[in-house]
N, C-alpha and C. Protein backbone atom coordinates (compact mmCIF):
# COMPACT_ATOMS: atom_id res chain seq x y z
N MET A 1 88.89 -103.07 30.58
CA MET A 1 87.81 -104.08 30.88
C MET A 1 86.66 -103.65 30.08
N PRO A 2 85.94 -104.66 29.42
CA PRO A 2 84.78 -104.33 28.61
C PRO A 2 83.66 -103.81 29.48
N ARG A 3 82.97 -102.77 28.96
CA ARG A 3 81.85 -102.19 29.66
C ARG A 3 80.60 -103.08 29.50
N LEU A 4 79.94 -103.41 30.56
CA LEU A 4 78.77 -104.21 30.53
C LEU A 4 77.55 -103.39 30.25
N GLU A 5 76.66 -103.92 29.35
CA GLU A 5 75.42 -103.25 29.09
C GLU A 5 74.54 -103.44 30.27
N PRO A 6 73.57 -102.52 30.56
CA PRO A 6 72.71 -102.53 31.75
C PRO A 6 72.09 -103.88 32.01
N ARG A 7 71.47 -104.51 31.00
CA ARG A 7 70.84 -105.81 31.20
C ARG A 7 71.87 -106.87 31.59
N ARG A 8 72.98 -106.86 30.88
CA ARG A 8 74.00 -107.86 31.18
C ARG A 8 74.56 -107.75 32.54
N LEU A 9 74.72 -106.43 32.95
CA LEU A 9 75.19 -106.13 34.30
C LEU A 9 74.18 -106.61 35.34
N ARG A 10 72.90 -106.42 35.11
CA ARG A 10 71.93 -106.90 36.06
C ARG A 10 71.94 -108.40 36.16
N LEU A 11 72.04 -109.13 35.03
CA LEU A 11 72.02 -110.59 35.07
C LEU A 11 73.31 -111.06 35.74
N ALA A 12 74.44 -110.40 35.41
CA ALA A 12 75.67 -110.92 36.08
C ALA A 12 75.61 -110.75 37.54
N GLY A 13 74.99 -109.61 38.02
CA GLY A 13 74.80 -109.41 39.47
C GLY A 13 73.93 -110.38 40.05
N THR A 14 72.81 -110.74 39.34
CA THR A 14 71.84 -111.70 39.82
C THR A 14 72.50 -113.10 39.93
N ILE A 15 73.32 -113.48 38.91
CA ILE A 15 73.92 -114.74 38.97
C ILE A 15 74.95 -114.81 40.09
N LEU A 16 75.73 -113.79 40.31
CA LEU A 16 76.68 -113.78 41.39
C LEU A 16 76.00 -113.90 42.71
N LEU A 17 74.89 -113.12 42.91
CA LEU A 17 74.18 -113.21 44.14
C LEU A 17 73.50 -114.55 44.32
N ALA A 18 73.05 -115.09 43.18
CA ALA A 18 72.39 -116.47 43.22
C ALA A 18 73.37 -117.51 43.68
N ALA A 19 74.62 -117.36 43.29
CA ALA A 19 75.63 -118.35 43.70
C ALA A 19 75.76 -118.33 45.23
N LEU A 20 75.71 -117.17 45.84
CA LEU A 20 75.64 -117.03 47.33
C LEU A 20 74.33 -117.68 47.87
N ALA A 21 73.27 -117.37 47.27
CA ALA A 21 71.93 -117.87 47.78
C ALA A 21 71.95 -119.44 47.71
N GLY A 22 72.36 -119.96 46.62
CA GLY A 22 72.37 -121.43 46.50
C GLY A 22 73.27 -122.12 47.51
N ALA A 23 74.20 -121.40 48.05
CA ALA A 23 75.10 -122.02 49.01
C ALA A 23 74.57 -122.06 50.44
N CYS A 24 73.45 -121.29 50.62
CA CYS A 24 72.99 -121.17 52.02
C CYS A 24 71.44 -121.27 52.06
N VAL A 25 70.91 -122.21 51.31
CA VAL A 25 69.41 -122.34 51.30
C VAL A 25 69.10 -123.16 52.60
N THR A 26 68.06 -122.64 53.30
CA THR A 26 67.51 -123.36 54.44
C THR A 26 66.13 -123.68 54.32
N GLU A 27 65.68 -124.53 55.19
CA GLU A 27 64.24 -124.94 55.15
C GLU A 27 63.38 -123.71 55.51
N THR A 28 62.35 -123.49 54.81
CA THR A 28 61.41 -122.39 55.03
C THR A 28 60.36 -122.84 56.05
N THR A 29 60.17 -122.01 57.10
CA THR A 29 59.20 -122.37 58.15
C THR A 29 57.90 -121.70 57.78
N GLY A 30 56.82 -122.11 58.52
CA GLY A 30 55.53 -121.52 58.35
C GLY A 30 54.57 -122.48 57.78
N SER A 31 53.43 -121.97 57.26
CA SER A 31 52.40 -122.83 56.70
C SER A 31 52.74 -123.26 55.27
N VAL A 32 53.30 -124.40 55.09
CA VAL A 32 53.69 -124.79 53.80
C VAL A 32 53.08 -126.19 53.47
N ARG A 33 51.94 -126.43 54.06
CA ARG A 33 51.24 -127.77 53.83
C ARG A 33 50.84 -127.86 52.32
N SER A 34 51.16 -129.04 51.74
CA SER A 34 50.90 -129.21 50.36
C SER A 34 50.18 -130.60 50.10
N THR A 35 49.51 -130.70 49.05
CA THR A 35 48.98 -131.99 48.69
C THR A 35 49.36 -132.32 47.20
N LYS A 36 49.27 -133.56 46.88
CA LYS A 36 49.62 -134.00 45.53
C LYS A 36 48.60 -133.43 44.60
N SER A 37 49.04 -132.84 43.53
CA SER A 37 48.11 -132.19 42.58
C SER A 37 47.64 -133.30 41.56
N ALA A 38 46.37 -133.20 41.21
CA ALA A 38 45.82 -134.12 40.17
C ALA A 38 45.98 -133.41 38.79
N LYS A 39 46.47 -132.17 38.78
CA LYS A 39 46.68 -131.41 37.55
C LYS A 39 48.04 -131.49 36.95
N GLY A 40 49.01 -131.89 37.65
CA GLY A 40 50.33 -131.93 37.17
C GLY A 40 51.24 -132.78 38.13
N PRO A 41 52.59 -132.76 37.79
CA PRO A 41 53.57 -133.67 38.50
C PRO A 41 53.97 -133.22 39.83
N TRP A 42 53.61 -131.91 40.23
CA TRP A 42 54.21 -131.36 41.40
C TRP A 42 53.17 -131.30 42.56
N LEU A 43 53.63 -131.14 43.77
CA LEU A 43 52.77 -131.01 44.84
C LEU A 43 52.02 -129.66 44.75
N GLU A 44 50.74 -129.74 45.16
CA GLU A 44 49.89 -128.52 45.01
C GLU A 44 50.08 -127.82 46.36
N PRO A 45 50.29 -126.43 46.35
CA PRO A 45 50.46 -125.63 47.59
C PRO A 45 49.11 -125.52 48.26
N SER A 46 49.11 -125.36 49.55
CA SER A 46 47.92 -124.95 50.28
C SER A 46 47.50 -123.53 49.86
N PRO A 47 46.25 -123.15 50.05
CA PRO A 47 45.87 -121.76 49.66
C PRO A 47 46.74 -120.69 50.30
N ASN A 48 47.10 -120.88 51.57
CA ASN A 48 47.97 -119.88 52.13
C ASN A 48 49.32 -119.86 51.43
N LEU A 49 49.88 -120.99 51.20
CA LEU A 49 51.24 -121.09 50.53
C LEU A 49 51.11 -120.54 49.15
N ARG A 50 50.07 -120.82 48.40
CA ARG A 50 49.85 -120.34 47.08
C ARG A 50 49.89 -118.77 47.06
N GLU A 51 49.24 -118.19 48.02
CA GLU A 51 49.23 -116.71 48.12
C GLU A 51 50.62 -116.17 48.35
N GLN A 52 51.42 -116.87 49.25
CA GLN A 52 52.74 -116.47 49.45
C GLN A 52 53.61 -116.57 48.25
N ILE A 53 53.54 -117.65 47.46
CA ILE A 53 54.23 -117.85 46.28
C ILE A 53 53.91 -116.74 45.22
N GLU A 54 52.62 -116.50 45.03
CA GLU A 54 52.29 -115.46 44.08
C GLU A 54 52.74 -114.09 44.50
N ASP A 55 52.69 -113.77 45.79
CA ASP A 55 53.12 -112.48 46.27
C ASP A 55 54.67 -112.26 46.01
N ARG A 56 55.43 -113.34 46.31
CA ARG A 56 56.85 -113.20 46.12
C ARG A 56 57.21 -113.27 44.63
N ALA A 57 56.46 -114.00 43.83
CA ALA A 57 56.69 -113.98 42.39
C ALA A 57 56.43 -112.55 41.78
N ASN A 58 55.47 -111.88 42.30
CA ASN A 58 55.22 -110.56 41.90
C ASN A 58 56.26 -109.57 42.31
N ARG A 59 56.90 -109.85 43.40
CA ARG A 59 57.92 -108.94 43.90
C ARG A 59 59.30 -109.14 43.27
N LEU A 60 59.53 -110.41 42.84
CA LEU A 60 60.86 -110.75 42.32
C LEU A 60 61.47 -109.80 41.30
N PRO A 61 60.71 -109.33 40.38
CA PRO A 61 61.30 -108.46 39.33
C PRO A 61 61.79 -107.08 39.85
N TRP A 62 61.25 -106.72 41.03
CA TRP A 62 61.48 -105.30 41.49
C TRP A 62 62.39 -105.21 42.73
N VAL A 63 62.92 -106.31 43.13
CA VAL A 63 63.88 -106.31 44.24
C VAL A 63 65.22 -106.75 43.77
N HIS A 64 66.24 -106.28 44.43
CA HIS A 64 67.62 -106.45 43.99
C HIS A 64 68.52 -106.73 45.17
N GLY A 65 69.81 -107.09 44.90
CA GLY A 65 70.74 -107.28 45.92
C GLY A 65 70.30 -108.33 46.95
N ILE A 66 70.52 -108.11 48.21
CA ILE A 66 70.23 -109.13 49.24
C ILE A 66 68.80 -109.48 49.25
N GLU A 67 67.91 -108.55 48.88
CA GLU A 67 66.43 -108.88 48.90
C GLU A 67 66.14 -109.98 47.87
N ARG A 68 66.84 -109.90 46.71
CA ARG A 68 66.65 -110.89 45.67
C ARG A 68 67.21 -112.21 46.17
N VAL A 69 68.39 -112.23 46.82
CA VAL A 69 69.02 -113.44 47.28
C VAL A 69 68.03 -114.12 48.22
N GLU A 70 67.43 -113.34 49.16
CA GLU A 70 66.55 -113.88 50.10
C GLU A 70 65.31 -114.47 49.44
N LEU A 71 64.81 -113.91 48.36
CA LEU A 71 63.69 -114.45 47.68
C LEU A 71 64.13 -115.81 46.97
N ILE A 72 65.27 -115.79 46.35
CA ILE A 72 65.80 -117.02 45.78
C ILE A 72 65.86 -118.19 46.81
N GLN A 73 66.41 -117.79 47.97
CA GLN A 73 66.52 -118.78 49.05
C GLN A 73 65.15 -119.28 49.46
N TRP A 74 64.15 -118.34 49.56
CA TRP A 74 62.74 -118.74 49.99
C TRP A 74 62.18 -119.69 49.00
N PHE A 75 62.26 -119.40 47.72
CA PHE A 75 61.71 -120.25 46.68
C PHE A 75 62.39 -121.63 46.68
N ALA A 76 63.68 -121.64 46.87
CA ALA A 76 64.39 -122.92 46.87
C ALA A 76 64.02 -123.76 48.09
N GLY A 77 63.77 -123.05 49.25
CA GLY A 77 63.35 -123.71 50.40
C GLY A 77 61.97 -124.32 50.33
N ILE A 78 61.04 -123.61 49.67
CA ILE A 78 59.74 -124.11 49.45
C ILE A 78 59.72 -125.34 48.55
N GLY A 79 60.55 -125.32 47.51
CA GLY A 79 60.72 -126.49 46.63
C GLY A 79 59.53 -126.76 45.72
N GLU A 80 59.12 -128.04 45.75
CA GLU A 80 58.17 -128.50 44.70
C GLU A 80 56.94 -127.67 44.50
N PRO A 81 56.19 -127.19 45.56
CA PRO A 81 55.02 -126.48 45.29
C PRO A 81 55.28 -125.16 44.48
N ALA A 82 56.49 -124.64 44.52
CA ALA A 82 56.90 -123.35 43.81
C ALA A 82 57.42 -123.67 42.44
N TYR A 83 57.65 -124.94 42.01
CA TYR A 83 58.18 -125.23 40.70
C TYR A 83 57.41 -124.62 39.56
N PRO A 84 56.12 -124.82 39.43
CA PRO A 84 55.34 -124.25 38.29
C PRO A 84 55.59 -122.71 38.11
N THR A 85 55.61 -121.98 39.31
CA THR A 85 55.73 -120.58 39.24
C THR A 85 57.18 -120.21 38.79
N LEU A 86 58.16 -120.98 39.26
CA LEU A 86 59.58 -120.71 38.87
C LEU A 86 59.81 -121.04 37.43
N LEU A 87 59.18 -122.13 36.94
CA LEU A 87 59.39 -122.49 35.56
C LEU A 87 58.73 -121.40 34.67
N ASP A 88 57.64 -120.78 35.11
CA ASP A 88 57.04 -119.72 34.33
C ASP A 88 58.02 -118.52 34.33
N LEU A 89 58.50 -118.20 35.48
CA LEU A 89 59.42 -117.03 35.62
C LEU A 89 60.71 -117.28 34.75
N ALA A 90 61.13 -118.55 34.59
CA ALA A 90 62.32 -118.79 33.83
C ALA A 90 62.09 -118.52 32.38
N ARG A 91 60.84 -118.28 31.94
CA ARG A 91 60.50 -117.87 30.66
C ARG A 91 60.40 -116.35 30.43
N ASP A 92 60.50 -115.64 31.54
CA ASP A 92 60.33 -114.23 31.53
C ASP A 92 61.32 -113.53 30.58
N PRO A 93 60.84 -112.56 29.75
CA PRO A 93 61.72 -111.90 28.78
C PRO A 93 62.85 -111.04 29.49
N ARG A 94 62.67 -110.73 30.72
CA ARG A 94 63.67 -110.02 31.48
C ARG A 94 64.73 -110.98 31.99
N THR A 95 65.93 -110.82 31.44
CA THR A 95 66.93 -111.85 31.72
C THR A 95 67.32 -112.00 33.14
N ASP A 96 67.29 -110.93 33.89
CA ASP A 96 67.66 -110.99 35.29
C ASP A 96 66.59 -111.72 36.08
N VAL A 97 65.31 -111.57 35.70
CA VAL A 97 64.19 -112.26 36.37
C VAL A 97 64.33 -113.77 36.04
N ALA A 98 64.49 -114.13 34.78
CA ALA A 98 64.62 -115.52 34.35
C ALA A 98 65.87 -116.14 35.05
N GLY A 99 66.94 -115.39 35.16
CA GLY A 99 68.09 -115.90 35.81
C GLY A 99 67.91 -116.19 37.27
N ALA A 100 67.20 -115.32 37.93
CA ALA A 100 66.90 -115.56 39.32
C ALA A 100 66.09 -116.77 39.55
N ALA A 101 65.07 -117.03 38.69
CA ALA A 101 64.21 -118.21 38.80
C ALA A 101 65.06 -119.48 38.51
N LEU A 102 65.96 -119.43 37.55
CA LEU A 102 66.77 -120.60 37.28
C LEU A 102 67.70 -120.88 38.53
N ALA A 103 68.17 -119.83 39.11
CA ALA A 103 69.05 -119.97 40.29
C ALA A 103 68.28 -120.68 41.44
N ALA A 104 67.06 -120.31 41.66
CA ALA A 104 66.21 -120.93 42.64
C ALA A 104 65.93 -122.40 42.35
N LEU A 105 65.70 -122.72 41.09
CA LEU A 105 65.48 -124.09 40.66
C LEU A 105 66.72 -124.90 40.84
N GLY A 106 67.87 -124.33 40.44
CA GLY A 106 69.12 -125.12 40.66
C GLY A 106 69.43 -125.35 42.08
N ALA A 107 69.16 -124.39 43.00
CA ALA A 107 69.37 -124.53 44.41
C ALA A 107 68.66 -125.67 45.04
N THR A 108 67.54 -126.09 44.40
CA THR A 108 66.78 -127.21 44.99
C THR A 108 67.51 -128.50 44.83
N ARG A 109 68.39 -128.64 43.88
CA ARG A 109 69.11 -129.92 43.52
C ARG A 109 68.20 -131.05 43.18
N ASP A 110 67.00 -130.76 42.73
CA ASP A 110 66.03 -131.75 42.39
C ASP A 110 66.15 -132.15 40.94
N ALA A 111 66.71 -133.36 40.72
CA ALA A 111 67.00 -133.80 39.31
C ALA A 111 65.75 -133.94 38.43
N ARG A 112 64.53 -134.04 39.06
CA ARG A 112 63.31 -134.19 38.33
C ARG A 112 63.12 -132.97 37.40
N LEU A 113 63.74 -131.83 37.75
CA LEU A 113 63.52 -130.61 37.03
C LEU A 113 64.22 -130.53 35.63
N VAL A 114 65.24 -131.43 35.42
CA VAL A 114 65.98 -131.40 34.27
C VAL A 114 65.23 -131.44 33.01
N GLN A 115 64.30 -132.38 32.91
CA GLN A 115 63.52 -132.53 31.66
C GLN A 115 62.65 -131.26 31.41
N HIS A 116 62.18 -130.62 32.45
CA HIS A 116 61.34 -129.41 32.33
C HIS A 116 62.27 -128.27 31.89
N LEU A 117 63.40 -128.16 32.42
CA LEU A 117 64.32 -127.11 31.93
C LEU A 117 64.77 -127.25 30.51
N ARG A 118 65.02 -128.51 30.15
CA ARG A 118 65.39 -128.78 28.74
C ARG A 118 64.29 -128.42 27.82
N ALA A 119 63.04 -128.47 28.24
CA ALA A 119 61.94 -128.17 27.36
C ALA A 119 61.67 -126.63 27.20
N LEU A 120 62.33 -125.78 27.97
CA LEU A 120 62.16 -124.39 27.88
C LEU A 120 62.70 -123.84 26.60
N PRO A 121 62.05 -122.92 25.94
CA PRO A 121 62.52 -122.36 24.74
C PRO A 121 63.88 -121.71 24.83
N ALA A 122 64.71 -121.72 23.76
CA ALA A 122 66.05 -121.11 23.89
C ALA A 122 65.89 -119.62 24.08
N PRO A 123 66.79 -119.07 24.92
CA PRO A 123 66.70 -117.65 25.12
C PRO A 123 67.02 -116.88 23.87
N LYS A 124 66.39 -115.74 23.70
CA LYS A 124 66.60 -114.91 22.46
C LYS A 124 66.83 -113.43 22.92
N GLY A 125 67.44 -112.68 21.99
CA GLY A 125 67.63 -111.26 22.26
C GLY A 125 68.79 -110.92 23.18
N GLU A 126 68.78 -109.68 23.62
CA GLU A 126 69.84 -109.18 24.51
C GLU A 126 69.92 -110.05 25.81
N GLY A 127 71.12 -110.39 26.13
CA GLY A 127 71.33 -111.17 27.29
C GLY A 127 71.16 -112.68 27.19
N SER A 128 70.87 -113.11 25.86
CA SER A 128 70.58 -114.55 25.70
C SER A 128 71.81 -115.44 26.02
N VAL A 129 72.99 -114.95 25.76
CA VAL A 129 74.20 -115.70 25.97
C VAL A 129 74.37 -116.01 27.47
N ASP A 130 74.15 -114.88 28.25
CA ASP A 130 74.25 -115.00 29.69
C ASP A 130 73.15 -115.96 30.29
N LEU A 131 72.00 -115.88 29.70
CA LEU A 131 70.89 -116.70 30.19
C LEU A 131 71.11 -118.13 29.86
N GLU A 132 71.71 -118.42 28.67
CA GLU A 132 72.06 -119.82 28.28
C GLU A 132 73.08 -120.35 29.27
N LEU A 133 74.02 -119.53 29.61
CA LEU A 133 75.08 -120.07 30.56
C LEU A 133 74.43 -120.28 31.97
N GLU A 134 73.53 -119.39 32.34
CA GLU A 134 72.90 -119.63 33.67
C GLU A 134 72.03 -120.95 33.60
N ARG A 135 71.35 -121.15 32.50
CA ARG A 135 70.56 -122.38 32.36
C ARG A 135 71.49 -123.63 32.43
N ALA A 136 72.62 -123.52 31.70
CA ALA A 136 73.69 -124.61 31.82
C ALA A 136 74.14 -124.89 33.16
N ARG A 137 74.38 -123.79 33.89
CA ARG A 137 74.84 -123.86 35.20
C ARG A 137 73.81 -124.57 36.14
N THR A 138 72.52 -124.21 35.93
CA THR A 138 71.42 -124.77 36.69
C THR A 138 71.28 -126.23 36.37
N LEU A 139 71.34 -126.61 35.11
CA LEU A 139 71.22 -128.05 34.66
C LEU A 139 72.33 -128.82 35.32
N LEU A 140 73.54 -128.30 35.37
CA LEU A 140 74.64 -129.01 35.90
C LEU A 140 74.48 -129.22 37.39
N ARG A 141 73.95 -128.19 38.08
CA ARG A 141 73.70 -128.32 39.53
C ARG A 141 72.68 -129.37 39.80
N LEU A 142 71.73 -129.62 38.81
CA LEU A 142 70.75 -130.65 38.93
C LEU A 142 71.19 -131.97 38.49
N GLY A 143 72.46 -132.14 38.06
CA GLY A 143 72.98 -133.38 37.63
C GLY A 143 73.05 -133.68 36.18
N ASP A 144 72.71 -132.72 35.33
CA ASP A 144 72.76 -132.92 33.87
C ASP A 144 74.13 -132.56 33.33
N TRP A 145 75.01 -133.57 33.18
CA TRP A 145 76.36 -133.28 32.74
C TRP A 145 76.47 -132.94 31.25
N GLU A 146 75.40 -133.04 30.52
CA GLU A 146 75.41 -132.58 29.14
C GLU A 146 75.53 -131.08 29.03
N ALA A 147 75.39 -130.43 30.17
CA ALA A 147 75.55 -128.93 30.19
C ALA A 147 77.03 -128.56 30.22
N ILE A 148 77.92 -129.51 30.46
CA ILE A 148 79.32 -129.22 30.63
C ILE A 148 79.92 -128.51 29.42
N PRO A 149 79.67 -128.94 28.16
CA PRO A 149 80.30 -128.24 27.04
C PRO A 149 79.97 -126.75 26.98
N ASP A 150 78.75 -126.44 27.32
CA ASP A 150 78.33 -125.05 27.27
C ASP A 150 79.15 -124.22 28.34
N LEU A 151 79.39 -124.83 29.52
CA LEU A 151 80.15 -124.16 30.54
C LEU A 151 81.58 -124.04 30.18
N ILE A 152 82.17 -125.08 29.52
CA ILE A 152 83.52 -125.03 28.99
C ILE A 152 83.61 -123.87 28.01
N LEU A 153 82.62 -123.78 27.13
CA LEU A 153 82.66 -122.62 26.19
C LEU A 153 82.63 -121.30 26.93
N GLY A 154 81.83 -121.26 28.01
CA GLY A 154 81.79 -120.03 28.82
C GLY A 154 83.15 -119.59 29.35
N LEU A 155 84.11 -120.59 29.45
CA LEU A 155 85.37 -120.17 29.98
C LEU A 155 86.17 -119.22 29.04
N ARG A 156 85.61 -119.17 27.78
CA ARG A 156 86.22 -118.29 26.86
C ARG A 156 85.51 -116.91 26.72
N ASP A 157 84.53 -116.72 27.61
CA ASP A 157 83.74 -115.46 27.53
C ASP A 157 84.78 -114.29 27.83
N GLU A 158 84.50 -113.13 27.23
CA GLU A 158 85.32 -111.95 27.34
C GLU A 158 85.35 -111.41 28.75
N ARG A 159 84.31 -111.70 29.57
CA ARG A 159 84.22 -111.15 30.87
C ARG A 159 84.71 -112.07 32.01
N PRO A 160 85.62 -111.55 32.90
CA PRO A 160 86.15 -112.38 33.94
C PRO A 160 85.11 -112.97 34.88
N ILE A 161 84.03 -112.17 35.22
CA ILE A 161 83.00 -112.70 36.14
C ILE A 161 82.28 -113.93 35.47
N THR A 162 82.04 -113.88 34.16
CA THR A 162 81.37 -114.99 33.54
C THR A 162 82.26 -116.21 33.52
N ARG A 163 83.60 -115.99 33.23
CA ARG A 163 84.51 -117.11 33.22
C ARG A 163 84.57 -117.69 34.61
N ALA A 164 84.55 -116.86 35.64
CA ALA A 164 84.70 -117.31 37.01
C ALA A 164 83.50 -118.18 37.38
N LEU A 165 82.30 -117.70 37.03
CA LEU A 165 81.09 -118.44 37.37
C LEU A 165 81.01 -119.78 36.70
N CYS A 166 81.40 -119.84 35.44
CA CYS A 166 81.47 -121.09 34.65
C CYS A 166 82.54 -122.07 35.30
N ALA A 167 83.60 -121.47 35.69
CA ALA A 167 84.68 -122.38 36.30
C ALA A 167 84.24 -122.96 37.67
N GLN A 168 83.53 -122.07 38.43
CA GLN A 168 83.05 -122.55 39.75
C GLN A 168 81.97 -123.62 39.56
N ALA A 169 81.01 -123.42 38.57
CA ALA A 169 80.04 -124.48 38.43
C ALA A 169 80.63 -125.80 37.95
N LEU A 170 81.67 -125.68 37.12
CA LEU A 170 82.39 -126.94 36.67
C LEU A 170 83.05 -127.61 37.85
N TYR A 171 83.68 -126.76 38.69
CA TYR A 171 84.40 -127.37 39.84
C TYR A 171 83.46 -128.03 40.83
N GLU A 172 82.30 -127.38 41.09
CA GLU A 172 81.33 -127.89 42.02
C GLU A 172 80.88 -129.32 41.61
N ALA A 173 80.74 -129.47 40.26
CA ALA A 173 80.18 -130.77 39.73
C ALA A 173 81.28 -131.80 39.58
N THR A 174 82.50 -131.45 39.20
CA THR A 174 83.48 -132.38 38.83
C THR A 174 84.66 -132.45 39.84
N ARG A 175 84.86 -131.41 40.67
CA ARG A 175 86.01 -131.26 41.61
C ARG A 175 87.26 -131.20 40.79
N GLU A 176 87.20 -130.72 39.51
CA GLU A 176 88.37 -130.51 38.70
C GLU A 176 88.50 -129.00 38.42
N ARG A 177 89.74 -128.48 38.30
CA ARG A 177 89.98 -127.04 37.97
C ARG A 177 90.88 -126.95 36.71
N PHE A 178 91.81 -127.88 36.54
CA PHE A 178 92.83 -127.81 35.46
C PHE A 178 93.52 -126.48 35.36
N ASP A 179 93.76 -125.93 36.57
CA ASP A 179 94.59 -124.72 36.72
C ASP A 179 93.94 -123.52 35.95
N PHE A 180 92.64 -123.56 35.77
CA PHE A 180 92.03 -122.38 35.06
C PHE A 180 91.93 -121.25 36.03
N ASP A 181 92.44 -120.10 35.57
CA ASP A 181 92.37 -118.83 36.37
C ASP A 181 91.56 -117.84 35.41
N PRO A 182 90.35 -117.48 35.90
CA PRO A 182 89.53 -116.64 35.05
C PRO A 182 90.15 -115.27 34.71
N ARG A 183 91.16 -114.85 35.57
CA ARG A 183 91.86 -113.56 35.34
C ARG A 183 93.31 -113.87 34.83
N GLY A 184 93.57 -115.02 34.41
CA GLY A 184 94.86 -115.36 33.94
C GLY A 184 95.20 -114.85 32.54
N GLU A 185 96.36 -115.06 32.00
CA GLU A 185 96.68 -114.56 30.71
C GLU A 185 95.95 -115.48 29.69
N PRO A 186 95.59 -114.88 28.51
CA PRO A 186 94.80 -115.64 27.49
C PRO A 186 95.49 -117.00 27.13
N GLU A 187 96.82 -117.04 26.99
CA GLU A 187 97.46 -118.29 26.59
C GLU A 187 97.27 -119.32 27.68
N ALA A 188 97.43 -118.95 28.92
CA ALA A 188 97.27 -119.91 30.00
C ALA A 188 95.85 -120.36 30.11
N ARG A 189 94.88 -119.45 29.97
CA ARG A 189 93.43 -119.83 30.05
C ARG A 189 93.20 -120.88 28.90
N GLU A 190 93.69 -120.59 27.73
CA GLU A 190 93.42 -121.44 26.58
C GLU A 190 93.99 -122.83 26.83
N ALA A 191 95.19 -122.93 27.42
CA ALA A 191 95.72 -124.21 27.68
C ALA A 191 94.88 -124.98 28.67
N SER A 192 94.35 -124.33 29.71
CA SER A 192 93.48 -124.98 30.63
C SER A 192 92.17 -125.43 29.99
N ILE A 193 91.62 -124.58 29.14
CA ILE A 193 90.34 -124.94 28.39
C ILE A 193 90.67 -126.19 27.51
N GLY A 194 91.82 -126.26 26.93
CA GLY A 194 92.15 -127.46 26.13
C GLY A 194 92.13 -128.67 27.07
N ARG A 195 92.58 -128.58 28.26
CA ARG A 195 92.55 -129.73 29.15
C ARG A 195 91.10 -130.08 29.60
N TRP A 196 90.26 -129.02 29.77
CA TRP A 196 88.86 -129.38 30.02
C TRP A 196 88.22 -130.08 28.87
N GLU A 197 88.48 -129.62 27.65
CA GLU A 197 87.88 -130.23 26.50
C GLU A 197 88.34 -131.69 26.33
N ALA A 198 89.60 -131.93 26.61
CA ALA A 198 90.16 -133.27 26.44
C ALA A 198 89.57 -134.16 27.56
N TRP A 199 89.37 -133.62 28.78
CA TRP A 199 88.77 -134.41 29.84
C TRP A 199 87.35 -134.74 29.51
N TYR A 200 86.63 -133.82 28.94
CA TYR A 200 85.18 -134.14 28.64
C TYR A 200 85.12 -135.19 27.57
N ARG A 201 85.94 -135.06 26.54
CA ARG A 201 85.97 -136.05 25.48
C ARG A 201 86.24 -137.46 26.08
N SER A 202 87.19 -137.56 27.00
CA SER A 202 87.57 -138.87 27.54
C SER A 202 86.51 -139.36 28.48
N ARG A 203 85.61 -138.52 28.95
CA ARG A 203 84.56 -138.98 29.85
C ARG A 203 83.29 -139.27 29.25
N ARG A 204 83.17 -139.15 27.98
CA ARG A 204 81.95 -139.30 27.24
C ARG A 204 81.29 -140.72 27.47
N THR A 205 82.07 -141.65 27.74
CA THR A 205 81.56 -143.05 27.92
C THR A 205 81.33 -143.37 29.45
N ASP A 206 81.53 -142.32 30.25
CA ASP A 206 81.35 -142.57 31.72
C ASP A 206 79.86 -142.62 31.95
N PRO A 207 79.38 -143.62 32.74
CA PRO A 207 77.96 -143.77 33.11
C PRO A 207 77.39 -142.49 33.65
N LEU A 208 78.22 -141.76 34.39
CA LEU A 208 77.69 -140.51 35.04
C LEU A 208 77.25 -139.49 33.91
N LEU A 209 77.79 -139.64 32.73
CA LEU A 209 77.45 -138.66 31.69
C LEU A 209 76.28 -139.10 30.86
N GLU A 210 75.89 -140.37 31.02
CA GLU A 210 74.72 -140.87 30.20
C GLU A 210 73.44 -140.17 30.70
N GLN A 211 72.68 -139.69 29.70
CA GLN A 211 71.40 -139.01 30.03
C GLN A 211 70.21 -139.95 29.65
N LYS A 212 69.31 -140.03 30.49
CA LYS A 212 68.06 -140.81 30.27
C LYS A 212 66.92 -139.80 30.10
N ASP A 213 66.41 -139.64 28.88
CA ASP A 213 65.29 -138.73 28.56
C ASP A 213 63.97 -139.34 28.95
């Protein structure tokens, strides 16, 4: 089994935990009163909520495991007032931090975020492939089916965990599996990927795949 580099291992762990976090986001209680901002498209947090958002954003890079899952859940539960902070964190050069921010944005299921995520610069450097896949997964969770080819490509990744996460994201959006087993034999995996590619080509004219910029 290929040895994961430290940063890739951290990001893989973040993505795996984020998948759990996204499945159990709950409403956040407390003082979350917000008003419509005159400075941007998102709701402006109250002073108290702004302080909470800043505090948790500062903590995010330094917590791991279940603590990070809980922060992802918290940000997703806050929703719109936290979007500017999360979009900034999605640009963080630390891939695990950016991945956690993307996971929180994806867990909101707010399709308005798609255009903002598309505008983010392409990841560069170590861990960029993993971050590109996490961004594709986030976009697909938000309804952007143009992310599907990137996730199909991820089914060919050398790491079973990456293949599994791509397969799960595809299944959640499409309810299709095409018998793909992330730990299956290479020949069987490739046959399944061929079915995914053929399916996507046949669906290119589907209204669900049409994107409005």
